[in-house]
C-alpha atoms as a PDB file:
ATOM      1  CA  PHE A   1     103.376 160.524  95.967  1.00  0.00           C
ATOM      2  CA  ARG A   2     104.526 162.007  99.268  1.00  0.00           C
ATOM      3  CA  ASP A   3     105.018 159.338 101.972  1.00  0.00           C
ATOM      4  CA  LYS A   4     104.034 156.671  99.442  1.00  0.00           C
ATOM      5  CA  ILE A   5     105.876 153.686  98.041  1.00  0.00           C
ATOM      6  CA  VAL A   6     106.101 153.831  94.276  1.00  0.00           C
ATOM      7  CA  LEU A   7     107.075 150.884  92.074  1.00  0.00           C
ATOM      8  CA  ILE A   8     108.106 151.371  88.453  1.00  0.00           C
ATOM      9  CA  GLY A   9     108.073 148.421  86.107  1.00  0.00           C
ATOM     10  CA  GLY A  10     107.001 147.331  82.674  1.00  0.00           C
ATOM     11  CA  THR A  11     103.611 145.667  82.279  1.00  0.00           C
ATOM     12  CA  SER A  12     102.559 146.230  78.687  1.00  0.00           C
ATOM     13  CA  ILE A  13     105.474 145.737  76.307  1.00  0.00           C
ATOM     14  CA  ALA A  14     106.097 142.030  75.722  1.00  0.00           C
ATOM     15  CA  ALA A  15     109.872 142.308  75.812  1.00  0.00           C
ATOM     16  CA  PHE A  16     109.967 144.678  78.770  1.00  0.00           C
ATOM     17  CA  HIS A  17     108.415 142.764  81.644  1.00  0.00           C
ATOM     18  CA  ASP A  18     108.972 139.496  83.438  1.00  0.00           C
ATOM     19  CA  VAL A  19     106.385 136.867  84.367  1.00  0.00           C
ATOM     20  CA  ILE A  20     106.415 135.122  87.749  1.00  0.00           C
ATOM     21  CA  ASP A  21     104.919 131.654  88.287  1.00  0.00           C
ATOM     22  CA  VAL A  22     102.703 131.484  91.376  1.00  0.00           C
ATOM     23  CA  PRO A  23     100.385 128.701  92.684  1.00  0.00           C
ATOM     24  CA  VAL A  24      97.346 130.279  91.022  1.00  0.00           C
ATOM     25  CA  GLY A  25      98.977 130.916  87.618  1.00  0.00           C
ATOM     26  CA  GLU A  26     101.227 133.749  86.433  1.00  0.00           C
ATOM     27  CA  ILE A  27     101.555 137.378  87.487  1.00  0.00           C
ATOM     28  CA  LEU A  28     103.756 140.224  86.305  1.00  0.00           C
ATOM     29  CA  GLY A  29     106.943 141.115  88.144  1.00  0.00           C
ATOM     30  CA  PRO A  30     105.647 144.470  89.511  1.00  0.00           C
ATOM     31  CA  GLN A  31     102.537 142.730  90.776  1.00  0.00           C
ATOM     32  CA  MET A  32     104.746 140.286  92.686  1.00  0.00           C
ATOM     33  CA  HIS A  33     106.523 143.184  94.400  1.00  0.00           C
ATOM     34  CA  LEU A  34     103.226 144.967  95.096  1.00  0.00           C
ATOM     35  CA  ASN A  35     101.725 141.902  96.750  1.00  0.00           C
ATOM     36  CA  SER A  36     104.858 141.342  98.822  1.00  0.00           C
ATOM     37  CA  LEU A  37     104.880 144.981 100.016  1.00  0.00           C
ATOM     38  CA  ALA A  38     101.161 144.898 100.778  1.00  0.00           C
ATOM     39  CA  ALA A  39     101.622 141.727 102.882  1.00  0.00           C
ATOM     40  CA  ALA A  40     104.606 143.265 104.682  1.00  0.00           C
ATOM     41  CA  LEU A  41     102.791 146.521 105.472  1.00  0.00           C
ATOM     42  CA  ALA A  42      99.614 144.771 106.631  1.00  0.00           C
ATOM     43  CA  GLY A  43     101.434 141.922 108.400  1.00  0.00           C
ATOM     44  CA  ASN A  44      99.331 139.489 106.407  1.00  0.00           C
ATOM     45  CA  PHE A  45     101.677 136.526 106.004  1.00  0.00           C
ATOM     46  CA  TYR A  46     100.970 132.828 105.713  1.00  0.00           C
ATOM     47  CA  GLN A  47     101.841 130.866 108.807  1.00  0.00           C
ATOM     48  CA  ILE A  48     103.561 127.494 108.511  1.00  0.00           C
ATOM     49  CA  SER A  49     102.189 124.962 110.975  1.00  0.00           C
ATOM     50  CA  GLY A  50     104.755 123.798 113.500  1.00  0.00           C
ATOM     51  CA  LYS A  51     106.313 120.406 114.081  1.00  0.00           C
ATOM     52  CA  THR A  52     103.581 119.478 116.555  1.00  0.00           C
ATOM     53  CA  VAL A  53     100.842 119.890 113.929  1.00  0.00           C
ATOM     54  CA  HIS A  54     103.007 118.065 111.397  1.00  0.00           C
ATOM     55  CA  VAL A  55     103.580 115.049 113.643  1.00  0.00           C
ATOM     56  CA  LEU A  56      99.971 115.043 114.826  1.00  0.00           C
ATOM     57  CA  SER A  57      98.615 115.058 111.264  1.00  0.00           C
ATOM     58  CA  VAL A  58     100.890 112.159 110.289  1.00  0.00           C
ATOM     59  CA  VAL A  59      99.872 110.116 113.352  1.00  0.00           C
ATOM     60  CA  VAL A  60      96.154 110.805 112.878  1.00  0.00           C
ATOM     61  CA  LEU A  61      96.168 109.861 109.199  1.00  0.00           C
ATOM     62  CA  ALA A  62      98.224 106.742 109.964  1.00  0.00           C
ATOM     63  CA  LEU A  63      95.597 105.683 112.521  1.00  0.00           C
ATOM     64  CA  VAL A  64      92.858 106.454 109.989  1.00  0.00           C
ATOM     65  CA  GLY A  65      94.602 104.272 107.393  1.00  0.00           C
ATOM     66  CA  PHE A  66      95.014 101.387 109.853  1.00  0.00           C
ATOM     67  CA  GLY A  67      91.414 101.775 111.000  1.00  0.00           C
ATOM     68  CA  ILE A  68      90.036 101.667 107.462  1.00  0.00           C
ATOM     69  CA  ALA A  69      92.075  98.556 106.656  1.00  0.00           C
ATOM     70  CA  PHE A  70      90.912  96.913 109.890  1.00  0.00           C
ATOM     71  CA  VAL A  71      87.208  97.720 109.487  1.00  0.00           C
ATOM     72  CA  MET A  72      86.779  97.395 105.715  1.00  0.00           C
ATOM     73  CA  ARG A  73      86.983  93.743 104.727  1.00  0.00           C
ATOM     74  CA  LYS A  74      86.584  94.406 100.993  1.00  0.00           C
ATOM     75  CA  PRO A  75      89.711  95.963  99.406  1.00  0.00           C
ATOM     76  CA  VAL A  76      87.742  97.986  96.831  1.00  0.00           C
ATOM     77  CA  VAL A  77      85.566  99.614  99.498  1.00  0.00           C
ATOM     78  CA  GLY A  78      88.657 100.248 101.627  1.00  0.00           C
ATOM     79  CA  LEU A  79      90.476 101.867  98.706  1.00  0.00           C
ATOM     80  CA  ILE A  80      87.518 104.182  98.087  1.00  0.00           C
ATOM     81  CA  ALA A  81      87.502 105.098 101.783  1.00  0.00           C
ATOM     82  CA  LEU A  82      91.242 105.861 101.670  1.00  0.00           C
ATOM     83  CA  VAL A  83      90.805 108.130  98.656  1.00  0.00           C
ATOM     84  CA  ALA A  84      87.861 109.867 100.339  1.00  0.00           C
ATOM     85  CA  CYS A  85      89.878 110.492 103.514  1.00  0.00           C
ATOM     86  CA  GLY A  86      92.805 111.819 101.475  1.00  0.00           C
ATOM     87  CA  ALA A  87      90.507 114.156  99.565  1.00  0.00           C
ATOM     88  CA  ALA A  88      88.930 115.361 102.818  1.00  0.00           C
ATOM     89  CA  TYR A  89      92.367 116.205 104.238  1.00  0.00           C
ATOM     90  CA  LEU A  90      93.291 118.100 101.059  1.00  0.00           C
ATOM     91  CA  LEU A  91      90.078 120.116 101.359  1.00  0.00           C
ATOM     92  CA  LEU A  92      90.949 120.852 104.992  1.00  0.00           C
ATOM     93  CA  ALA A  93      94.422 122.049 103.963  1.00  0.00           C
ATOM     94  CA  ARG A  94      92.911 124.238 101.219  1.00  0.00           C
ATOM     95  CA  TRP A  95      90.394 125.714 103.660  1.00  0.00           C
ATOM     96  CA  CYS A  96      93.116 126.562 106.186  1.00  0.00           C
ATOM     97  CA  TYR A  97      95.258 128.041 103.397  1.00  0.00           C
ATOM     98  CA  PHE A  98      92.655 130.396 101.939  1.00  0.00           C
ATOM     99  CA  ASP A  99      90.568 131.261 105.008  1.00  0.00           C
ATOM    100  CA  PHE A 100      93.119 131.295 107.834  1.00  0.00           C
ATOM    101  CA  SER A 101      96.455 131.769 105.981  1.00  0.00           C
ATOM    102  CA  ILE A 102      97.832 128.565 107.562  1.00  0.00           C
ATOM    103  CA  LEU A 103      99.968 126.136 105.569  1.00  0.00           C
ATOM    104  CA  LEU A 104      99.271 122.564 106.687  1.00  0.00           C
ATOM    105  CA  PRO A 105     101.627 119.727 105.715  1.00  0.00           C
ATOM    106  CA  VAL A 106     100.226 117.744 102.819  1.00  0.00           C
ATOM    107  CA  ALA A 107     102.753 115.336 101.282  1.00  0.00           C
ATOM    108  CA  SER A 108     103.832 113.367 104.364  1.00  0.00           C
ATOM    109  CA  PRO A 109     100.340 112.901 105.898  1.00  0.00           C
ATOM    110  CA  ILE A 110      98.819 111.794 102.579  1.00  0.00           C
ATOM    111  CA  PHE A 111     101.765 109.452 101.948  1.00  0.00           C
ATOM    112  CA  THR A 112     101.381 107.993 105.450  1.00  0.00           C
ATOM    113  CA  LEU A 113      97.651 107.462 104.930  1.00  0.00           C
ATOM    114  CA  GLY A 114      98.213 105.580 101.680  1.00  0.00           C
ATOM    115  CA  LEU A 115     101.133 103.580 103.032  1.00  0.00           C
ATOM    116  CA  ALA A 116      99.249 102.498 106.159  1.00  0.00           C
ATOM    117  CA  GLY A 117      96.063 101.547 104.345  1.00  0.00           C
ATOM    118  CA  LEU A 118      97.590  99.867 101.299  1.00  0.00           C
ATOM    119  CA  GLY A 119     100.216  98.145 103.457  1.00  0.00           C
ATOM    120  CA  CYS A 120      97.543  96.585 105.666  1.00  0.00           C
ATOM    121  CA  PHE A 121      95.407  95.540 102.704  1.00  0.00           C
ATOM    122  CA  GLY A 122      98.449  94.028 100.965  1.00  0.00           C
ATOM    123  CA  ASN A 123      99.525  92.164 104.084  1.00  0.00           C
ATOM    124  CA  ARG A 124      96.023  90.767 104.587  1.00  0.00           C
ATOM    125  CA  PHE A 125      95.842  89.702 100.928  1.00  0.00           C
ATOM    126  CA  VAL A 126      99.164  87.849 101.143  1.00  0.00           C
ATOM    127  CA  LEU A 127      98.166  86.098 104.372  1.00  0.00           C
ATOM    128  CA  GLU A 128      94.806  85.071 102.896  1.00  0.00           C
ATOM    129  CA  GLN A 129      96.489  83.653  99.793  1.00  0.00           C
ATOM    130  CA  LEU A 130      98.977  81.679 101.896  1.00  0.00           C
ATOM    131  CA  GLU A 131      96.190  80.340 104.111  1.00  0.00           C
ATOM    132  CA  LYS A 132      94.117  79.411 101.070  1.00  0.00           C
ATOM    133  CA  ALA A 133      97.069  77.576  99.507  1.00  0.00           C
ATOM    134  CA  ARG A 134      97.726  75.695 102.753  1.00  0.00           C
ATOM    135  CA  LEU A 135      94.057  74.756 103.064  1.00  0.00           C
ATOM    136  CA  ARG A 136      93.955  73.637  99.423  1.00  0.00           C
ATOM    137  CA  ARG A 137      96.936  71.327  99.939  1.00  0.00           C
ATOM    138  CA  THR A 138      95.312  69.889 103.059  1.00  0.00           C
ATOM    139  CA  LEU A 139      91.935  69.365 101.411  1.00  0.00           C
ATOM    140  CA  GLU A 140      93.327  67.793  98.242  1.00  0.00           C
ATOM    141  CA  ARG A 141      94.833  65.024 100.379  1.00  0.00           C
ATOM    142  CA  GLN A 142      91.371  64.139 101.672  1.00  0.00           C
ATOM    143  CA  VAL A 143      88.874  65.047  98.946  1.00  0.00           C
ATOM    144  CA  SER A 144      88.789  65.587  95.193  1.00  0.00           C
ATOM    145  CA  LYS A 145      90.069  68.795  93.595  1.00  0.00           C
ATOM    146  CA  ASP A 146      86.544  69.807  92.582  1.00  0.00           C
ATOM    147  CA  LEU A 147      85.303  69.520  96.160  1.00  0.00           C
ATOM    148  CA  ALA A 148      88.379  71.371  97.420  1.00  0.00           C
ATOM    149  CA  GLU A 149      87.710  74.244  94.991  1.00  0.00           C
ATOM    150  CA  HIS A 150      84.066  74.296  96.092  1.00  0.00           C
ATOM    151  CA  ILE A 151      85.078  74.564  99.738  1.00  0.00           C
ATOM    152  CA  LEU A 152      87.613  77.307  98.992  1.00  0.00           C
ATOM    153  CA  SER A 153      85.122  79.282  96.897  1.00  0.00           C
ATOM    154  CA  MET A 154      82.585  79.269  99.775  1.00  0.00           C
ATOM    155  CA  PRO A 155      84.658  79.020 102.959  1.00  0.00           C
ATOM    156  CA  GLU A 156      81.833  80.394 105.117  1.00  0.00           C
ATOM    157  CA  ASP A 157      79.628  77.384 104.305  1.00  0.00           C
ATOM    158  CA  TYR A 158      82.535  75.056 105.027  1.00  0.00           C
ATOM    159  CA  TYR A 159      83.348  76.591 108.417  1.00  0.00           C
ATOM    160  CA  ASN A 160      79.657  76.708 109.342  1.00  0.00           C
ATOM    161  CA  SER A 161      79.388  72.977 108.646  1.00  0.00           C
ATOM    162  CA  LEU A 162      82.341  72.040 110.873  1.00  0.00           C
ATOM    163  CA  PRO A 163      80.284  71.910 114.116  1.00  0.00           C
ATOM    164  CA  GLY A 164      77.909  69.515 112.340  1.00  0.00           C
ATOM    165  CA  VAL A 165      74.582  69.854 110.582  1.00  0.00           C
ATOM    166  CA  ARG A 166      71.425  67.761 110.667  1.00  0.00           C
ATOM    167  CA  LYS A 167      70.051  66.687 107.271  1.00  0.00           C
ATOM    168  CA  PRO A 168      68.642  63.546 105.608  1.00  0.00           C
ATOM    169  CA  VAL A 169      71.343  61.532 103.827  1.00  0.00           C
ATOM    170  CA  THR A 170      71.793  58.144 102.157  1.00  0.00           C
ATOM    171  CA  VAL A 171      74.730  56.050 103.364  1.00  0.00           C
ATOM    172  CA  LEU A 172      76.249  53.062 101.544  1.00  0.00           C
ATOM    173  CA  PHE A 173      78.176  50.545 103.667  1.00  0.00           C
ATOM    174  CA  SER A 174      80.375  48.130 101.716  1.00  0.00           C
ATOM    175  CA  ASP A 175      83.079  45.650 102.645  1.00  0.00           C
ATOM    176  CA  ILE A 176      85.832  43.774 100.861  1.00  0.00           C
ATOM    177  CA  ARG A 177      85.595  40.071 101.509  1.00  0.00           C
ATOM    178  CA  GLY A 178      88.624  38.751 103.396  1.00  0.00           C
ATOM    179  CA  PHE A 179      90.256  42.189 103.600  1.00  0.00           C
ATOM    180  CA  THR A 180      91.332  41.788 107.226  1.00  0.00           C
ATOM    181  CA  SER A 181      93.234  38.545 106.608  1.00  0.00           C
ATOM    182  CA  ARG A 182      94.764  39.978 103.418  1.00  0.00           C
ATOM    183  CA  SER A 183      95.910  43.138 105.225  1.00  0.00           C
ATOM    184  CA  GLU A 184      97.761  40.938 107.723  1.00  0.00           C
ATOM    185  CA  LYS A 185      99.665  39.038 105.033  1.00  0.00           C
ATOM    186  CA  ASP A 186     100.137  41.270 101.959  1.00  0.00           C
ATOM    187  CA  ASP A 187     102.789  43.923 101.398  1.00  0.00           C
ATOM    188  CA  PRO A 188     101.477  47.309 102.707  1.00  0.00           C
ATOM    189  CA  VAL A 189     102.534  49.224  99.572  1.00  0.00           C
ATOM    190  CA  THR A 190     100.765  46.768  97.267  1.00  0.00           C
ATOM    191  CA  LEU A 191      97.708  46.662  99.507  1.00  0.00           C
ATOM    192  CA  VAL A 192      97.366  50.452  99.625  1.00  0.00           C
ATOM    193  CA  SER A 193      97.782  50.668  95.846  1.00  0.00           C
ATOM    194  CA  GLN A 194      95.044  48.090  95.292  1.00  0.00           C
ATOM    195  CA  LEU A 195      92.816  49.762  97.857  1.00  0.00           C
ATOM    196  CA  ARG A 196      93.242  53.159  96.179  1.00  0.00           C
ATOM    197  CA  GLU A 197      92.341  51.667  92.800  1.00  0.00           C
ATOM    198  CA  TYR A 198      89.266  50.012  94.317  1.00  0.00           C
ATOM    199  CA  LEU A 199      88.121  53.212  96.026  1.00  0.00           C
ATOM    200  CA  ASP A 200      88.566  55.244  92.833  1.00  0.00           C
ATOM    201  CA  LEU A 201      86.405  52.836  90.862  1.00  0.00           C
ATOM    202  CA  MET A 202      83.766  52.586  93.580  1.00  0.00           C
ATOM    203  CA  GLY A 203      83.720  56.335  94.040  1.00  0.00           C
ATOM    204  CA  GLU A 204      82.900  56.898  90.357  1.00  0.00           C
ATOM    205  CA  ILE A 205      80.066  54.344  90.532  1.00  0.00           C
ATOM    206  CA  VAL A 206      78.624  55.864  93.704  1.00  0.00           C
END
């Protein structure tokens, strides 16, 4: 044992050795000291990435999260893309850890990715619901609830029809006899009430 480092410790008797928890499981106390000495003698230590890498990884994953939320219109597809990007970053961190002995930050970049993506998707969902509610209120003043629901269920068809479409239609023109003279004399509230009742009945017949 001349010029050697010798460690003495228990490894066989259950009550005479300690067990150390490590990322890959458990090792015995002497093994922990042996690995530490071997790393010290060989200079083989893990390197912690600096603040620049930390900030850069957070910024990049934040941009990735915003980009996914901006490009992916369907939330389910966007969520799958977020999970895939998070898994890819974890694989990158594992690769750097085992092959290059570099410890990349994991928690803050992954948290930033999820926060950016889910925040954008949540904000878009809330805005779409508010816009849909506003449009429903506007439509229900002009058309029936069934037609309003139909328009809201297929908004693309509705917006495509706004510039106008050419199709064969049947138009019914009807008039109320003496309505002009009545509208000049009768009370407006009573007239509107009667007109609404008339239009409801005529609408059902048509």
